[in-house]
Amino acid sequence: MGEREGCLRSEYAEWFPGLEPNRWYPADDLTEAVLKQRRSQAPSWEMEDRVPSDRHFRFRGGAAGPRGSVRSRRSDTEGKSEPA
C-alpha cells in the first residue's frame, strides 16, 4: 500500500494559504502545515480529533487508525482510504 496522501478541499483554501487545493501532499506534510497554521494564526476552525481533518481534506493510500491520544494522519496505520 502506498504512502498516505491528502488533498485540500477547495472550499477551505483560504484557511490554509500555504497549500494548493486539489493537489495531493504526503499526509505527514499536511499534518505539519495544519499544526503550523494553528500555532501562527488565529484559526478559523476548532481543533478536531484528527489533524488534518476529514472535513478540510480528502485522503487516499496508506492506512488509517489512531496510534496515540491525538489522532493524526501521521499515525494512520490501517483502515479505509478514498479512491484516487
N, C-alpha and C. Protein backbone atom coordinates (compact mmCIF):
# COMPACT_ATOMS: atom_id res chain seq x y z
N MET A 1 0.85 -1.17 0.00
CA MET A 1 0.00 0.00 0.00
C MET A 1 0.90 1.24 0.00
N GLY A 2 0.53 2.26 -0.80
CA GLY A 2 1.35 3.46 -0.91
C GLY A 2 1.25 4.37 0.29
N GLU A 3 2.06 5.41 0.25
CA GLU A 3 2.07 6.41 1.33
C GLU A 3 0.72 7.12 1.41
N ARG A 4 0.28 7.41 2.62
CA ARG A 4 -0.98 8.14 2.85
C ARG A 4 -0.82 9.56 2.32
N GLU A 5 -1.79 10.04 1.53
CA GLU A 5 -1.78 11.38 0.96
C GLU A 5 -3.09 12.08 1.26
N GLY A 6 -3.01 13.40 1.25
CA GLY A 6 -4.20 14.21 1.47
C GLY A 6 -4.26 15.34 0.46
N CYS A 7 -5.47 15.82 0.24
CA CYS A 7 -5.74 16.86 -0.74
C CYS A 7 -6.69 17.87 -0.12
N LEU A 8 -6.29 19.12 -0.10
CA LEU A 8 -7.12 20.18 0.48
C LEU A 8 -8.38 20.39 -0.36
N ARG A 9 -9.52 20.41 0.31
CA ARG A 9 -10.78 20.69 -0.38
C ARG A 9 -10.80 22.19 -0.73
N SER A 10 -11.21 22.51 -1.94
CA SER A 10 -11.12 23.90 -2.44
C SER A 10 -11.89 24.89 -1.57
N GLU A 11 -12.98 24.48 -0.94
CA GLU A 11 -13.75 25.42 -0.12
C GLU A 11 -13.00 25.87 1.14
N TYR A 12 -11.87 25.21 1.49
CA TYR A 12 -11.08 25.59 2.66
C TYR A 12 -9.73 26.20 2.28
N ALA A 13 -9.54 26.55 1.03
CA ALA A 13 -8.27 27.06 0.54
C ALA A 13 -7.80 28.29 1.30
N GLU A 14 -8.68 29.22 1.63
CA GLU A 14 -8.26 30.44 2.32
C GLU A 14 -7.81 30.17 3.76
N TRP A 15 -8.21 29.05 4.33
CA TRP A 15 -7.81 28.72 5.70
C TRP A 15 -6.38 28.19 5.76
N PHE A 16 -5.89 27.69 4.61
CA PHE A 16 -4.55 27.10 4.55
C PHE A 16 -3.80 27.71 3.37
N PRO A 17 -3.34 28.97 3.52
CA PRO A 17 -2.75 29.71 2.39
C PRO A 17 -1.50 29.06 1.80
N GLY A 18 -0.80 28.24 2.54
CA GLY A 18 0.41 27.60 2.01
C GLY A 18 0.16 26.35 1.20
N LEU A 19 -1.11 25.94 1.09
CA LEU A 19 -1.44 24.70 0.38
C LEU A 19 -2.31 24.99 -0.84
N GLU A 20 -2.06 24.25 -1.91
CA GLU A 20 -2.86 24.36 -3.13
C GLU A 20 -4.03 23.40 -3.04
N PRO A 21 -5.25 23.87 -3.28
CA PRO A 21 -6.38 22.95 -3.28
C PRO A 21 -6.25 21.93 -4.42
N ASN A 22 -6.80 20.76 -4.20
CA ASN A 22 -6.84 19.69 -5.20
C ASN A 22 -5.46 19.19 -5.64
N ARG A 23 -4.44 19.44 -4.84
CA ARG A 23 -3.10 18.89 -5.07
C ARG A 23 -2.83 17.88 -3.96
N TRP A 24 -2.32 16.71 -4.30
CA TRP A 24 -2.05 15.66 -3.32
C TRP A 24 -0.70 15.90 -2.65
N TYR A 25 -0.70 15.85 -1.31
CA TYR A 25 0.50 16.02 -0.49
C TYR A 25 0.66 14.81 0.41
N PRO A 26 1.90 14.46 0.79
CA PRO A 26 2.06 13.42 1.80
C PRO A 26 1.34 13.84 3.09
N ALA A 27 0.66 12.91 3.73
CA ALA A 27 -0.12 13.22 4.93
C ALA A 27 0.75 13.83 6.03
N ASP A 28 2.00 13.38 6.15
CA ASP A 28 2.90 13.96 7.15
C ASP A 28 3.10 15.46 6.92
N ASP A 29 3.25 15.85 5.64
CA ASP A 29 3.44 17.26 5.32
C ASP A 29 2.19 18.08 5.66
N LEU A 30 1.02 17.51 5.41
CA LEU A 30 -0.22 18.20 5.74
C LEU A 30 -0.36 18.38 7.25
N THR A 31 0.00 17.36 8.01
CA THR A 31 -0.08 17.47 9.47
C THR A 31 0.78 18.62 9.95
N GLU A 32 2.00 18.71 9.46
CA GLU A 32 2.89 19.80 9.85
C GLU A 32 2.33 21.15 9.43
N ALA A 33 1.79 21.25 8.22
CA ALA A 33 1.23 22.52 7.72
C ALA A 33 0.04 22.96 8.57
N VAL A 34 -0.84 22.03 8.92
CA VAL A 34 -2.01 22.37 9.73
C VAL A 34 -1.60 22.81 11.13
N LEU A 35 -0.69 22.09 11.74
CA LEU A 35 -0.24 22.45 13.09
C LEU A 35 0.50 23.80 13.08
N LYS A 36 1.28 24.04 12.04
CA LYS A 36 1.97 25.33 11.92
C LYS A 36 0.96 26.47 11.77
N GLN A 37 -0.07 26.27 10.95
CA GLN A 37 -1.11 27.28 10.76
C GLN A 37 -1.79 27.58 12.09
N ARG A 38 -2.08 26.56 12.85
CA ARG A 38 -2.76 26.75 14.15
C ARG A 38 -1.89 27.50 15.14
N ARG A 39 -0.58 27.29 15.09
CA ARG A 39 0.34 27.99 16.01
C ARG A 39 0.58 29.44 15.60
N SER A 40 0.54 29.73 14.29
CA SER A 40 0.95 31.05 13.82
C SER A 40 -0.20 32.01 13.54
N GLN A 41 -1.43 31.52 13.40
CA GLN A 41 -2.56 32.37 13.05
C GLN A 41 -3.75 32.03 13.93
N ALA A 42 -4.67 32.97 14.02
CA ALA A 42 -5.93 32.66 14.70
C ALA A 42 -6.72 31.75 13.77
N PRO A 43 -6.88 30.49 14.14
CA PRO A 43 -7.56 29.58 13.22
C PRO A 43 -9.03 29.94 13.05
N SER A 44 -9.54 29.64 11.88
CA SER A 44 -10.94 29.85 11.56
C SER A 44 -11.78 28.65 11.95
N TRP A 45 -11.18 27.66 12.59
CA TRP A 45 -11.86 26.42 12.91
C TRP A 45 -11.38 25.89 14.25
N GLU A 46 -12.21 25.09 14.85
CA GLU A 46 -11.88 24.48 16.14
C GLU A 46 -11.03 23.24 15.91
N MET A 47 -10.17 22.94 16.87
CA MET A 47 -9.36 21.73 16.80
C MET A 47 -10.28 20.52 16.83
N GLU A 48 -10.02 19.59 15.96
CA GLU A 48 -10.82 18.38 15.88
C GLU A 48 -10.00 17.21 16.40
N ASP A 49 -10.60 16.04 16.43
CA ASP A 49 -9.88 14.91 16.98
C ASP A 49 -8.85 14.33 16.02
N ARG A 50 -8.82 14.83 14.78
CA ARG A 50 -7.84 14.38 13.79
C ARG A 50 -7.18 15.57 13.14
N VAL A 51 -5.90 15.47 12.90
CA VAL A 51 -5.16 16.50 12.19
C VAL A 51 -4.40 15.82 11.07
N PRO A 52 -4.63 16.20 9.85
CA PRO A 52 -5.65 17.10 9.33
C PRO A 52 -7.05 16.48 9.33
N SER A 53 -8.03 17.33 9.25
CA SER A 53 -9.43 16.94 9.37
C SER A 53 -10.01 16.37 8.07
N ASP A 54 -10.88 15.37 8.22
CA ASP A 54 -11.61 14.84 7.06
C ASP A 54 -12.52 15.90 6.45
N ARG A 55 -12.92 16.86 7.23
CA ARG A 55 -13.79 17.93 6.72
C ARG A 55 -13.02 18.85 5.77
N HIS A 56 -11.74 19.09 6.04
CA HIS A 56 -10.93 20.02 5.25
C HIS A 56 -10.16 19.35 4.12
N PHE A 57 -9.92 18.04 4.25
CA PHE A 57 -9.07 17.31 3.29
C PHE A 57 -9.71 16.00 2.86
N ARG A 58 -9.33 15.53 1.66
CA ARG A 58 -9.65 14.18 1.19
C ARG A 58 -8.37 13.37 1.34
N PHE A 59 -8.50 12.05 1.49
CA PHE A 59 -7.32 11.20 1.69
C PHE A 59 -7.37 9.98 0.80
N ARG A 60 -6.16 9.48 0.49
CA ARG A 60 -6.03 8.25 -0.29
C ARG A 60 -4.75 7.53 0.13
N GLY A 61 -4.70 6.24 -0.21
CA GLY A 61 -3.50 5.45 0.05
C GLY A 61 -3.26 5.20 1.52
N GLY A 62 -2.14 4.56 1.80
CA GLY A 62 -1.78 4.29 3.18
C GLY A 62 -2.86 3.52 3.89
N ALA A 63 -2.91 3.71 5.19
CA ALA A 63 -3.90 3.06 6.01
C ALA A 63 -4.31 4.01 7.12
N ALA A 64 -5.47 3.79 7.74
CA ALA A 64 -5.98 4.70 8.76
C ALA A 64 -6.12 4.00 10.10
N GLY A 65 -5.92 4.76 11.18
CA GLY A 65 -6.10 4.22 12.53
C GLY A 65 -5.25 4.99 13.52
N PRO A 66 -5.75 5.25 14.72
CA PRO A 66 -5.01 6.05 15.69
C PRO A 66 -3.85 5.30 16.34
N ARG A 67 -2.80 6.04 16.69
CA ARG A 67 -1.67 5.46 17.40
C ARG A 67 -1.59 6.03 18.80
N GLY A 68 -1.94 7.29 18.99
CA GLY A 68 -1.84 7.93 20.30
C GLY A 68 -3.16 8.54 20.70
N SER A 69 -3.11 9.45 21.67
CA SER A 69 -4.34 10.06 22.14
C SER A 69 -4.89 11.09 21.16
N VAL A 70 -4.01 11.80 20.46
CA VAL A 70 -4.44 12.73 19.42
C VAL A 70 -4.26 12.02 18.09
N ARG A 71 -5.34 11.87 17.37
CA ARG A 71 -5.26 11.16 16.11
C ARG A 71 -4.74 12.09 15.03
N SER A 72 -3.75 11.63 14.28
CA SER A 72 -3.22 12.42 13.17
C SER A 72 -3.06 11.52 11.96
N ARG A 73 -2.95 12.13 10.80
CA ARG A 73 -2.74 11.36 9.58
C ARG A 73 -1.38 10.66 9.64
N ARG A 74 -0.46 11.21 10.37
CA ARG A 74 0.85 10.60 10.52
C ARG A 74 0.72 9.24 11.20
N SER A 75 -0.26 9.11 12.11
CA SER A 75 -0.40 7.88 12.86
C SER A 75 -1.35 6.88 12.21
N ASP A 76 -1.86 7.18 11.02
CA ASP A 76 -2.75 6.24 10.35
C ASP A 76 -2.00 4.94 10.07
N THR A 77 -2.63 3.82 10.46
CA THR A 77 -1.97 2.53 10.26
C THR A 77 -2.83 1.53 9.53
N GLU A 78 -4.15 1.63 9.62
CA GLU A 78 -5.00 0.67 8.94
C GLU A 78 -6.42 1.19 8.84
N GLY A 79 -7.07 0.99 7.72
CA GLY A 79 -8.46 1.41 7.58
C GLY A 79 -8.82 1.73 6.16
N LYS A 80 -9.88 2.48 5.99
CA LYS A 80 -10.37 2.79 4.65
C LYS A 80 -9.61 3.98 4.06
N SER A 81 -9.57 4.04 2.75
CA SER A 81 -8.98 5.18 2.07
C SER A 81 -9.87 5.55 0.90
N GLU A 82 -9.80 6.81 0.52
CA GLU A 82 -10.63 7.32 -0.57
C GLU A 82 -9.97 6.97 -1.89
N PRO A 83 -10.72 6.55 -2.89
CA PRO A 83 -10.15 6.26 -4.20
C PRO A 83 -9.51 7.49 -4.82
N ALA A 84 -8.51 7.26 -5.62
CA ALA A 84 -7.78 8.37 -6.27
C ALA A 84 -8.60 9.07 -7.31
